[in-house]
Amino acid sequence: MTDILTSPWFFWSVGIALGLPLGLIVLTEWQQALRAKHSVLVRPVTVLRNYLLPLGALLLLLIEAKQIPPEETAVRLVGTLFAFVVLVLVLSGVSATLFHGAPEGTWRKRVPIIFVDVARFVVIVVGLGMIFSYIWGANVRGLFTALGVTSIVMGLALQQSVGQIVSGLLMLFEQPFRIGDWLDTPTAHGHVVEVNWRAVHLQTDSGLQITPNSVLATASFTNVSRPEGKHKIAIVSVFSLDDPPDQVCATLLKVAAGLPQLREGTQPSSIPLGGIEYRTTIPLRSFDNDGQAKATFLRWIWYAARRDGLHLDHATEAWSTPERVADAIQTVVAPTLRIGPEDQQALIAHSTLQRYGADEKIQDSGEVPTHMLFIVSGRVLLTAVTADGAEISVATLDEGSFLGQSTLTRQPVIGRAYAVGEVTVVQIEREQVETLVHRNPVLMQEFGRTIEERRASVRQAITPEALAQSRSD
């Protein structure tokens, strides 16, 4: 018994038997705590717990407890594995602490992942050479010499390709653009969908443009997506010399302010350029909205100019003729208001036909209408605005329906109205509606009932229960 207690292998065996489970318990708790915090150190601690600690215990057991000479193959194999795991652990820890947790804007965050991978590969190769040289006594000097000569030969043979790769790596390190940014280059205009060692892939209107990194590295290009939140478009419009400039600018501003692509917290601007040209500047959320915003603006000003009596591109169209107005009043307004031929004839001189483009806003929340609109063709979507600024659908008005009835009570509209497709309406001024109501008081009751019904629909749509149901749908 005394011989066992005094034997060197006894204390090593007891230490390993107690230390290994205790170390596993401590590392497991540490691992769970790091995983709960989503820490970047989870992987290094996992390597330490699952591989390095058991291999270290096994190596000590062979050398100290079993008293096996280090020159034995089994010890060398375990020692090689242990040294390799130490190398992997060091690389993993350095990568996690130095690069993965780097703050935005620092050089560590800008280092491309390919640089890290190449450096890791080089360190692993050198580390393995040192491990085999120290543990197995291998002569690795010739191997490194051969690798150096081979690298020189391949570099000379692939000089052009290597130059593009180096240009790509340097550009990745500088990061003048990111995936999704819009670039204006000498050869293409599009947004970046892929960046690799050799080239940048731009998605353009005509297809996928492959631009070599060496071309971008030696030429100037414009990243129109940076700085963020500063992109604007300028659209030039032409009107007639007879159109008042202030009225033209007001119409252009009203249309631009209603664009869904308009950047929040900004206001468009419109100025006359002299003669018949006007420039409208519209701040957008991002360059991705450029084409859609321009197309929508050009489409909507066609309708807005005609509603306001302006002559966009010198147009002299007379669409709201007395004959068309009379027909619309007879087919839409008369059945709704239950008026006779005499009242119909009186409305013709005080009514106009108006058209709205698809998705154009007809009425805004908080607006006090100055006229009533009767839908001749198309549909109108009524929406409600929630407390967080979101819009939800309330109802859809079809042909024969009307809106703007609160013009009689001078109450602001609590919802919004949008054109669903092209919409044609008969616009009747407030004074004429008041005249009809005085002649037929029942109309006032019907208008009041319609106002209350729509207000109730809006209030019902923005209740917490209705919002939860709409979001789940």
Protein backbone atom coordinates (compact mmCIF):
# COMPACT_ATOMS: atom_id res chain seq x y z
CA MET A 1 0.00 0.00 0.00
CA THR A 2 2.86 2.37 0.85
CA ASP A 3 4.49 1.62 -2.51
CA ILE A 4 1.32 2.64 -4.37
CA LEU A 5 0.99 5.90 -2.49
CA THR A 6 4.60 6.79 -3.10
CA SER A 7 4.55 5.84 -6.79
CA PRO A 8 4.65 8.83 -9.20
CA TRP A 9 1.95 7.38 -11.46
CA PHE A 10 -0.54 7.25 -8.54
CA PHE A 11 -0.81 11.01 -8.06
CA TRP A 12 -1.01 11.62 -11.80
CA SER A 13 -3.79 9.06 -12.13
CA VAL A 14 -5.77 10.57 -9.25
CA GLY A 15 -5.21 14.07 -10.57
CA ILE A 16 -6.41 13.12 -14.04
CA ALA A 17 -9.41 11.20 -12.68
CA LEU A 18 -10.51 14.19 -10.60
CA GLY A 19 -9.35 17.04 -12.83
CA LEU A 20 -10.90 15.85 -16.10
CA PRO A 21 -14.54 15.67 -14.86
CA LEU A 22 -14.12 18.87 -12.87
CA GLY A 23 -12.67 20.67 -15.92
CA LEU A 24 -15.49 19.37 -18.13
CA ILE A 25 -18.10 20.64 -15.66
CA VAL A 26 -16.52 24.11 -15.46
CA LEU A 27 -16.12 24.40 -19.23
CA THR A 28 -19.69 23.18 -19.81
CA GLU A 29 -21.11 25.87 -17.54
CA TRP A 30 -18.94 28.48 -19.23
CA GLN A 31 -20.08 27.26 -22.65
CA GLN A 32 -23.76 27.49 -21.70
CA ALA A 33 -23.32 31.00 -20.31
CA LEU A 34 -21.57 32.18 -23.49
CA ARG A 35 -24.22 30.55 -25.69
CA ALA A 36 -26.98 32.35 -23.77
CA LYS A 37 -25.21 35.66 -24.46
CA HIS A 38 -24.60 34.73 -28.14
CA SER A 39 -20.91 35.36 -27.55
CA VAL A 40 -18.30 34.87 -30.28
CA LEU A 41 -16.21 32.85 -27.77
CA VAL A 42 -18.61 29.87 -27.88
CA ARG A 43 -16.62 28.10 -30.59
CA PRO A 44 -13.17 28.42 -28.92
CA VAL A 45 -14.58 27.23 -25.59
CA THR A 46 -16.26 24.29 -27.35
CA VAL A 47 -12.94 23.27 -28.92
CA LEU A 48 -11.28 23.55 -25.52
CA ARG A 49 -13.95 21.41 -23.83
CA ASN A 50 -14.53 18.74 -26.48
CA TYR A 51 -11.03 18.20 -27.81
CA LEU A 52 -8.14 19.94 -26.06
CA LEU A 53 -8.96 18.95 -22.47
CA PRO A 54 -9.56 15.23 -23.23
CA LEU A 55 -6.47 15.04 -25.44
CA GLY A 56 -4.35 16.77 -22.77
CA ALA A 57 -5.61 14.33 -20.14
CA LEU A 58 -4.85 11.38 -22.43
CA LEU A 59 -1.33 12.69 -23.17
CA LEU A 60 -0.58 13.10 -19.45
CA LEU A 61 -1.98 9.64 -18.77
CA LEU A 62 0.35 8.08 -21.35
CA ILE A 63 3.50 9.98 -20.38
CA GLU A 64 3.18 10.40 -16.60
CA ALA A 65 0.81 7.68 -15.43
CA LYS A 66 1.75 4.90 -17.84
CA GLN A 67 5.37 6.06 -18.05
CA ILE A 68 5.44 5.53 -21.83
CA PRO A 69 8.50 7.12 -23.47
CA PRO A 70 7.76 10.17 -25.67
CA GLU A 71 9.44 8.44 -28.62
CA GLU A 72 6.66 5.84 -28.84
CA THR A 73 4.29 6.11 -31.80
CA ALA A 74 1.16 6.28 -29.65
CA VAL A 75 2.52 9.23 -27.65
CA ARG A 76 3.61 11.00 -30.81
CA LEU A 77 0.17 10.55 -32.39
CA VAL A 78 -1.61 11.94 -29.35
CA GLY A 79 0.94 14.75 -29.07
CA THR A 80 0.42 15.64 -32.74
CA LEU A 81 -3.35 15.82 -32.28
CA PHE A 82 -2.93 17.85 -29.09
CA ALA A 83 -0.59 20.37 -30.78
CA PHE A 84 -2.88 20.68 -33.79
CA VAL A 85 -5.93 21.38 -31.57
CA VAL A 86 -3.88 24.00 -29.67
CA LEU A 87 -3.13 25.65 -33.04
CA VAL A 88 -6.81 25.57 -34.03
CA LEU A 89 -7.84 26.94 -30.62
CA VAL A 90 -5.41 29.86 -30.86
CA LEU A 91 -6.56 30.73 -34.39
CA SER A 92 -10.23 30.46 -33.42
CA GLY A 93 -9.77 32.64 -30.35
CA VAL A 94 -7.84 35.32 -32.24
CA SER A 95 -10.40 35.37 -35.05
CA ALA A 96 -13.33 35.61 -32.63
CA THR A 97 -11.89 38.37 -30.46
CA LEU A 98 -10.15 40.40 -33.15
CA PHE A 99 -12.47 40.27 -36.16
CA HIS A 100 -15.93 38.85 -35.36
CA GLY A 101 -16.55 41.30 -32.54
CA ALA A 102 -15.00 44.31 -34.29
CA PRO A 103 -16.99 47.58 -34.09
CA GLU A 104 -18.47 49.05 -37.27
CA GLY A 105 -16.17 51.40 -39.16
CA THR A 106 -12.87 50.02 -37.82
CA TRP A 107 -10.15 48.45 -39.94
CA ARG A 108 -10.82 45.08 -38.31
CA LYS A 109 -14.42 45.19 -39.58
CA ARG A 110 -13.29 46.14 -43.10
CA VAL A 111 -10.83 43.25 -43.42
CA PRO A 112 -12.39 40.83 -45.96
CA ILE A 113 -13.00 37.33 -44.68
CA ILE A 114 -10.80 35.98 -47.47
CA PHE A 115 -7.79 37.77 -45.92
CA VAL A 116 -8.51 36.05 -42.62
CA ASP A 117 -8.91 32.66 -44.34
CA VAL A 118 -5.63 33.01 -46.24
CA ALA A 119 -3.75 34.07 -43.11
CA ARG A 120 -5.31 31.16 -41.19
CA PHE A 121 -4.24 28.72 -43.93
CA VAL A 122 -0.66 30.02 -43.89
CA VAL A 123 -0.43 29.77 -40.09
CA ILE A 124 -1.83 26.23 -40.16
CA VAL A 125 0.71 25.13 -42.80
CA VAL A 126 3.62 26.66 -40.88
CA GLY A 127 2.30 25.27 -37.60
CA LEU A 128 1.95 21.75 -39.01
CA GLY A 129 5.51 21.97 -40.35
CA MET A 130 6.81 22.91 -36.90
CA ILE A 131 4.74 20.14 -35.25
CA PHE A 132 6.09 17.45 -37.56
CA SER A 133 9.61 18.83 -37.20
CA TYR A 134 9.49 18.89 -33.38
CA ILE A 135 7.51 15.72 -32.66
CA TRP A 136 8.48 13.46 -35.56
CA GLY A 137 11.86 14.97 -36.41
CA ALA A 138 10.88 15.55 -40.05
CA ASN A 139 12.98 17.79 -42.28
CA VAL A 140 10.50 20.37 -43.59
CA ARG A 141 13.07 22.81 -44.97
CA GLY A 142 12.93 21.23 -48.40
CA LEU A 143 9.12 21.29 -48.36
CA PHE A 144 8.98 25.04 -47.68
CA THR A 145 11.64 25.67 -50.36
CA ALA A 146 9.61 23.72 -52.90
CA LEU A 147 6.45 25.59 -51.94
CA GLY A 148 8.23 28.95 -52.36
CA VAL A 149 9.59 28.06 -55.81
CA THR A 150 6.20 26.74 -56.88
CA SER A 151 4.49 29.96 -55.73
CA ILE A 152 6.92 32.09 -57.76
CA VAL A 153 6.40 30.01 -60.91
CA MET A 154 2.59 30.08 -60.57
CA GLY A 155 2.64 33.83 -59.89
CA LEU A 156 4.60 34.50 -63.11
CA ALA A 157 2.34 32.17 -65.13
CA LEU A 158 -0.87 33.67 -63.77
CA GLN A 159 0.32 37.26 -63.54
CA GLN A 160 -2.82 38.81 -65.05
CA SER A 161 -5.25 36.68 -63.05
CA VAL A 162 -3.27 37.25 -59.86
CA GLY A 163 -3.33 41.00 -60.53
CA GLN A 164 -7.13 40.92 -60.73
CA ILE A 165 -7.29 38.88 -57.55
CA VAL A 166 -5.03 41.33 -55.71
CA SER A 167 -7.09 44.25 -57.02
CA GLY A 168 -10.22 42.52 -55.80
CA LEU A 169 -8.75 41.86 -52.37
CA LEU A 170 -7.57 45.45 -52.00
CA MET A 171 -11.00 46.71 -53.06
CA LEU A 172 -12.67 44.34 -50.60
CA PHE A 173 -10.44 45.73 -47.86
CA GLU A 174 -11.27 49.33 -48.76
CA GLN A 175 -14.99 48.53 -49.15
CA PRO A 176 -16.02 51.43 -51.42
CA PHE A 177 -19.32 49.60 -51.95
CA ARG A 178 -21.36 46.75 -50.50
CA ILE A 179 -23.79 44.17 -51.77
CA GLY A 180 -26.94 46.01 -52.83
CA ASP A 181 -25.26 49.38 -53.54
CA TRP A 182 -25.89 51.06 -56.89
CA LEU A 183 -22.79 51.84 -58.96
CA ASP A 184 -22.37 54.09 -61.98
CA THR A 185 -19.27 52.77 -63.78
CA PRO A 186 -17.81 53.62 -67.21
CA THR A 187 -19.25 50.36 -68.58
CA ALA A 188 -22.51 49.79 -66.69
CA HIS A 189 -25.08 51.17 -64.29
CA GLY A 190 -26.64 48.76 -61.80
CA HIS A 191 -26.64 47.40 -58.27
CA VAL A 192 -24.01 45.07 -56.83
CA VAL A 193 -25.18 41.47 -56.45
CA GLU A 194 -21.83 39.71 -55.96
CA VAL A 195 -18.18 40.56 -55.30
CA ASN A 196 -15.44 37.93 -55.60
CA TRP A 197 -11.68 37.81 -56.09
CA ARG A 198 -11.86 38.46 -59.82
CA ALA A 199 -14.86 40.64 -60.63
CA VAL A 200 -17.89 42.60 -59.48
CA HIS A 201 -21.32 41.46 -60.68
CA LEU A 202 -23.75 44.30 -61.45
CA GLN A 203 -27.43 43.69 -62.14
CA THR A 204 -28.41 46.14 -64.89
CA ASP A 205 -31.55 46.67 -66.95
CA SER A 206 -30.02 44.68 -69.80
CA GLY A 207 -28.73 41.77 -67.71
CA LEU A 208 -25.83 40.80 -65.47
CA GLN A 209 -22.73 42.91 -66.11
CA ILE A 210 -19.39 41.33 -65.08
CA THR A 211 -16.79 44.02 -64.43
CA PRO A 212 -13.19 42.89 -63.63
CA ASN A 213 -11.76 44.26 -60.41
CA SER A 214 -8.71 45.55 -62.25
CA VAL A 215 -11.01 47.80 -64.33
CA LEU A 216 -12.72 49.26 -61.26
CA ALA A 217 -9.40 49.61 -59.44
CA THR A 218 -7.91 51.79 -62.20
CA ALA A 219 -11.05 53.77 -63.16
CA SER A 220 -13.33 56.15 -61.31
CA PHE A 221 -16.92 55.15 -60.55
CA THR A 222 -19.78 56.61 -58.53
CA ASN A 223 -21.48 54.86 -55.63
CA VAL A 224 -24.89 56.54 -55.79
CA SER A 225 -26.08 54.68 -52.67
CA ARG A 226 -23.67 56.57 -50.40
CA PRO A 227 -23.94 58.51 -48.27
CA GLU A 228 -27.15 56.88 -47.10
CA GLY A 229 -30.26 59.02 -46.86
CA LYS A 230 -28.99 61.65 -49.30
CA HIS A 231 -30.24 60.38 -52.65
CA LYS A 232 -32.45 62.68 -54.71
CA ILE A 233 -33.85 62.71 -58.22
CA ALA A 234 -34.47 65.80 -60.33
CA ILE A 235 -37.22 65.68 -62.95
CA VAL A 236 -37.71 68.42 -65.54
CA SER A 237 -41.26 69.11 -66.75
CA VAL A 238 -42.49 71.34 -69.57
CA PHE A 239 -45.64 73.45 -69.39
CA SER A 240 -47.19 76.19 -71.48
CA LEU A 241 -46.12 79.82 -71.27
CA ASP A 242 -49.72 80.69 -70.33
CA ASP A 243 -49.58 78.60 -67.11
CA PRO A 244 -48.86 80.65 -63.95
CA PRO A 245 -45.47 79.54 -62.54
CA ASP A 246 -46.66 79.53 -58.92
CA GLN A 247 -49.61 77.31 -59.78
CA VAL A 248 -47.39 74.95 -61.75
CA CYS A 249 -44.94 74.65 -58.84
CA ALA A 250 -47.79 74.08 -56.38
CA THR A 251 -49.18 71.25 -58.53
CA LEU A 252 -45.77 69.62 -58.91
CA LEU A 253 -45.10 69.87 -55.17
CA LYS A 254 -48.47 68.36 -54.28
CA VAL A 255 -47.86 65.38 -56.56
CA ALA A 256 -44.28 64.88 -55.34
CA ALA A 257 -45.35 65.06 -51.68
CA GLY A 258 -47.76 62.17 -52.24
CA LEU A 259 -45.16 59.75 -53.65
CA PRO A 260 -44.81 56.60 -51.50
CA GLN A 261 -41.05 56.57 -52.22
CA LEU A 262 -40.52 60.01 -50.63
CA ARG A 263 -38.02 59.91 -47.77
CA GLU A 264 -39.65 60.51 -44.41
CA GLY A 265 -39.00 63.86 -42.79
CA THR A 266 -38.14 65.59 -46.08
CA GLN A 267 -39.95 67.89 -48.49
CA PRO A 268 -39.64 68.03 -52.29
CA SER A 269 -38.91 71.29 -54.06
CA SER A 270 -39.95 72.69 -57.43
CA ILE A 271 -38.51 75.74 -59.19
CA PRO A 272 -38.98 77.33 -62.62
CA LEU A 273 -35.92 77.09 -64.84
CA GLY A 274 -37.05 79.89 -67.08
CA GLY A 275 -39.26 79.73 -70.12
CA ILE A 276 -41.43 76.63 -70.02
CA GLU A 277 -39.27 74.26 -67.93
CA TYR A 278 -39.65 73.39 -64.24
CA ARG A 279 -37.40 71.18 -62.14
CA THR A 280 -38.78 69.10 -59.27
CA THR A 281 -36.27 67.66 -56.76
CA ILE A 282 -37.53 64.66 -54.78
CA PRO A 283 -35.58 63.10 -51.84
CA LEU A 284 -35.94 59.31 -51.92
CA ARG A 285 -35.39 56.60 -49.33
CA SER A 286 -32.79 54.83 -51.49
CA PHE A 287 -31.59 54.57 -55.06
CA ASP A 288 -33.70 51.42 -55.47
CA ASN A 289 -36.78 53.67 -55.62
CA ASP A 290 -35.38 55.84 -58.40
CA GLY A 291 -37.08 54.32 -61.43
CA GLN A 292 -40.40 53.63 -59.74
CA ALA A 293 -40.60 57.11 -58.20
CA LYS A 294 -39.88 58.79 -61.53
CA ALA A 295 -42.44 56.69 -63.40
CA THR A 296 -45.12 57.34 -60.77
CA PHE A 297 -44.41 61.08 -60.69
CA LEU A 298 -44.63 61.42 -64.48
CA ARG A 299 -47.87 59.45 -64.54
CA TRP A 300 -49.50 61.40 -61.73
CA ILE A 301 -48.63 64.89 -63.03
CA TRP A 302 -50.44 64.00 -66.27
CA TYR A 303 -53.67 63.69 -64.29
CA ALA A 304 -52.91 66.52 -61.84
CA ALA A 305 -52.12 69.02 -64.60
CA ARG A 306 -55.44 68.37 -66.32
CA ARG A 307 -57.38 68.62 -63.05
CA ASP A 308 -55.77 72.00 -62.34
CA GLY A 309 -56.25 73.32 -65.86
CA LEU A 310 -52.53 73.35 -66.70
CA HIS A 311 -50.96 72.49 -70.04
CA LEU A 312 -48.32 69.81 -69.46
CA ASP A 313 -46.17 69.46 -72.59
CA HIS A 314 -48.39 72.14 -74.21
CA ALA A 315 -51.42 69.83 -74.09
CA THR A 316 -54.73 71.55 -74.95
CA GLU A 317 -57.11 68.66 -74.33
CA ALA A 318 -60.70 69.61 -73.47
CA TRP A 319 -61.91 66.44 -71.80
CA SER A 320 -64.46 67.75 -69.27
CA THR A 321 -67.02 68.91 -71.85
CA PRO A 322 -70.59 69.93 -70.95
CA GLU A 323 -71.91 66.90 -72.81
CA ARG A 324 -69.79 64.47 -70.77
CA VAL A 325 -70.62 66.26 -67.53
CA ALA A 326 -74.35 66.17 -68.31
CA ASP A 327 -74.19 62.46 -69.08
CA ALA A 328 -72.30 61.70 -65.85
CA ILE A 329 -74.75 63.74 -63.75
CA GLN A 330 -77.70 61.97 -65.33
CA THR A 331 -76.30 58.45 -64.88
CA VAL A 332 -74.52 58.78 -61.50
CA VAL A 333 -75.44 61.91 -59.55
CA ALA A 334 -79.18 62.07 -60.27
CA PRO A 335 -80.00 58.53 -59.01
CA THR A 336 -77.91 59.08 -55.87
CA LEU A 337 -79.30 62.50 -54.94
CA ARG A 338 -82.76 61.84 -56.45
CA ILE A 339 -82.88 65.11 -58.38
CA GLY A 340 -84.94 66.00 -61.40
CA PRO A 341 -84.01 67.34 -64.83
CA GLU A 342 -84.15 70.97 -63.67
CA ASP A 343 -81.62 70.43 -60.87
CA GLN A 344 -79.48 68.33 -63.18
CA GLN A 345 -79.30 71.16 -65.67
CA ALA A 346 -78.34 73.60 -62.92
CA LEU A 347 -75.44 71.37 -61.81
CA ILE A 348 -73.80 71.16 -65.23
CA ALA A 349 -72.30 74.64 -65.09
CA HIS A 350 -70.89 74.05 -61.60
CA SER A 351 -69.50 70.53 -62.07
CA THR A 352 -66.43 69.06 -63.77
CA LEU A 353 -65.16 65.63 -64.70
CA GLN A 354 -61.84 64.74 -63.06
CA ARG A 355 -59.52 61.77 -63.46
CA TYR A 356 -57.04 60.24 -61.01
CA GLY A 357 -54.23 57.85 -61.78
CA ALA A 358 -53.78 54.43 -60.18
CA ASP A 359 -52.81 54.63 -56.48
CA GLU A 360 -53.09 58.44 -56.49
CA LYS A 361 -54.36 59.99 -53.27
CA ILE A 362 -57.79 61.56 -53.71
CA GLN A 363 -58.37 62.67 -50.11
CA ASP A 364 -55.96 62.92 -47.20
CA SER A 365 -56.51 62.46 -43.49
CA GLY A 366 -57.28 65.76 -41.75
CA GLU A 367 -58.34 67.47 -44.98
CA VAL A 368 -61.58 69.49 -45.05
CA PRO A 369 -63.19 68.82 -48.46
CA THR A 370 -64.31 71.79 -50.55
CA HIS A 371 -66.45 69.69 -52.90
CA MET A 372 -68.14 66.31 -53.29
CA LEU A 373 -66.96 63.61 -55.67
CA PHE A 374 -69.24 61.05 -57.32
CA ILE A 375 -67.51 58.02 -58.84
CA VAL A 376 -68.32 57.62 -62.52
CA SER A 377 -65.86 54.79 -63.27
CA GLY A 378 -63.25 52.88 -61.31
CA ARG A 379 -63.01 52.19 -57.59
CA VAL A 380 -61.75 54.13 -54.55
CA LEU A 381 -60.03 52.53 -51.55
CA LEU A 382 -60.70 54.01 -48.11
CA THR A 383 -57.98 53.50 -45.50
CA ALA A 384 -57.42 54.32 -41.83
CA VAL A 385 -54.18 55.47 -40.20
CA THR A 386 -53.15 53.68 -36.99
CA ALA A 387 -51.33 55.22 -34.05
CA ASP A 388 -47.97 53.94 -35.32
CA GLY A 389 -48.50 55.47 -38.77
CA ALA A 390 -49.48 52.29 -40.61
CA GLU A 391 -52.41 52.22 -43.05
CA ILE A 392 -55.08 49.54 -43.16
CA SER A 393 -57.95 49.07 -45.61
CA VAL A 394 -61.43 50.01 -44.44
CA ALA A 395 -63.73 49.82 -47.45
CA THR A 396 -63.88 50.10 -51.24
CA LEU A 397 -66.28 52.46 -53.05
CA ASP A 398 -67.62 51.44 -56.45
CA GLU A 399 -69.27 53.33 -59.28
CA GLY A 400 -72.15 55.48 -58.07
CA SER A 401 -70.68 56.00 -54.60
CA PHE A 402 -69.57 59.39 -53.34
CA LEU A 403 -67.00 60.90 -50.97
CA GLY A 404 -66.30 64.36 -49.57
CA GLN A 405 -69.73 64.54 -47.95
CA SER A 406 -68.21 66.19 -44.86
CA THR A 407 -67.81 69.37 -46.94
CA LEU A 408 -71.29 70.29 -45.69
CA THR A 409 -70.34 70.01 -42.03
CA ARG A 410 -66.80 71.39 -42.51
CA GLN A 411 -65.42 68.35 -40.67
CA PRO A 412 -61.94 67.01 -41.50
CA VAL A 413 -61.63 63.60 -43.11
CA ILE A 414 -60.29 60.99 -40.65
CA GLY A 415 -59.24 58.48 -43.31
CA ARG A 416 -57.58 58.51 -46.72
CA ALA A 417 -58.91 57.72 -50.19
CA TYR A 418 -56.82 56.23 -53.03
CA ALA A 419 -57.66 55.51 -56.64
CA VAL A 420 -57.73 51.80 -57.49
CA GLY A 421 -56.73 51.93 -61.12
CA GLU A 422 -57.82 54.97 -63.13
CA VAL A 423 -60.82 56.69 -61.54
CA THR A 424 -63.21 59.21 -63.09
CA VAL A 425 -65.34 61.37 -60.81
CA VAL A 426 -67.84 64.19 -61.07
CA GLN A 427 -66.73 67.08 -58.88
CA ILE A 428 -69.55 69.26 -57.54
CA GLU A 429 -68.72 72.40 -55.60
CA ARG A 430 -69.89 72.87 -52.03
CA GLU A 431 -72.30 75.75 -52.78
CA GLN A 432 -74.29 73.65 -55.24
CA VAL A 433 -74.51 70.74 -52.80
CA GLU A 434 -75.80 73.12 -50.12
CA THR A 435 -78.49 74.34 -52.54
CA LEU A 436 -79.65 70.80 -53.19
CA VAL A 437 -79.71 70.00 -49.46
CA HIS A 438 -81.84 73.10 -48.74
CA ARG A 439 -84.35 71.93 -51.32
CA ASN A 440 -84.34 68.38 -50.01
CA PRO A 441 -83.51 68.17 -46.26
CA VAL A 442 -83.63 64.37 -46.40
CA LEU A 443 -80.28 64.48 -48.23
CA MET A 444 -78.64 66.07 -45.20
CA GLN A 445 -79.81 63.18 -43.05
CA GLU A 446 -78.43 60.66 -45.53
CA PHE A 447 -75.10 62.50 -45.73
CA GLY A 448 -74.92 62.65 -41.93
CA ARG A 449 -75.63 58.94 -41.68
CA THR A 450 -72.92 58.18 -44.27
CA ILE A 451 -70.43 60.34 -42.36
CA GLU A 452 -71.11 58.52 -39.10
CA GLU A 453 -71.00 55.08 -40.75
CA ARG A 454 -67.61 55.74 -42.32
CA ARG A 455 -66.21 57.24 -39.13
CA ALA A 456 -67.44 54.19 -37.23
CA SER A 457 -65.80 51.91 -39.81
CA VAL A 458 -62.49 53.74 -39.38
CA ARG A 459 -62.66 53.58 -35.58
CA GLN A 460 -63.55 49.88 -35.73
CA ALA A 461 -60.66 49.15 -38.10
CA ILE A 462 -58.03 50.64 -35.78
CA THR A 463 -59.14 48.87 -32.60
CA PRO A 464 -56.50 46.54 -31.09
CA GLU A 465 -58.61 43.48 -31.87
CA ALA A 466 -59.06 44.44 -35.53
CA LEU A 467 -55.36 45.27 -35.91
CA ALA A 468 -54.35 41.92 -34.40
CA GLN A 469 -56.75 40.11 -36.75
CA SER A 470 -55.48 41.96 -39.85
CA ARG A 471 -51.84 41.25 -38.96
CA SER A 472 -52.55 37.56 -38.38
CA ASP A 473 -54.31 37.36 -41.75
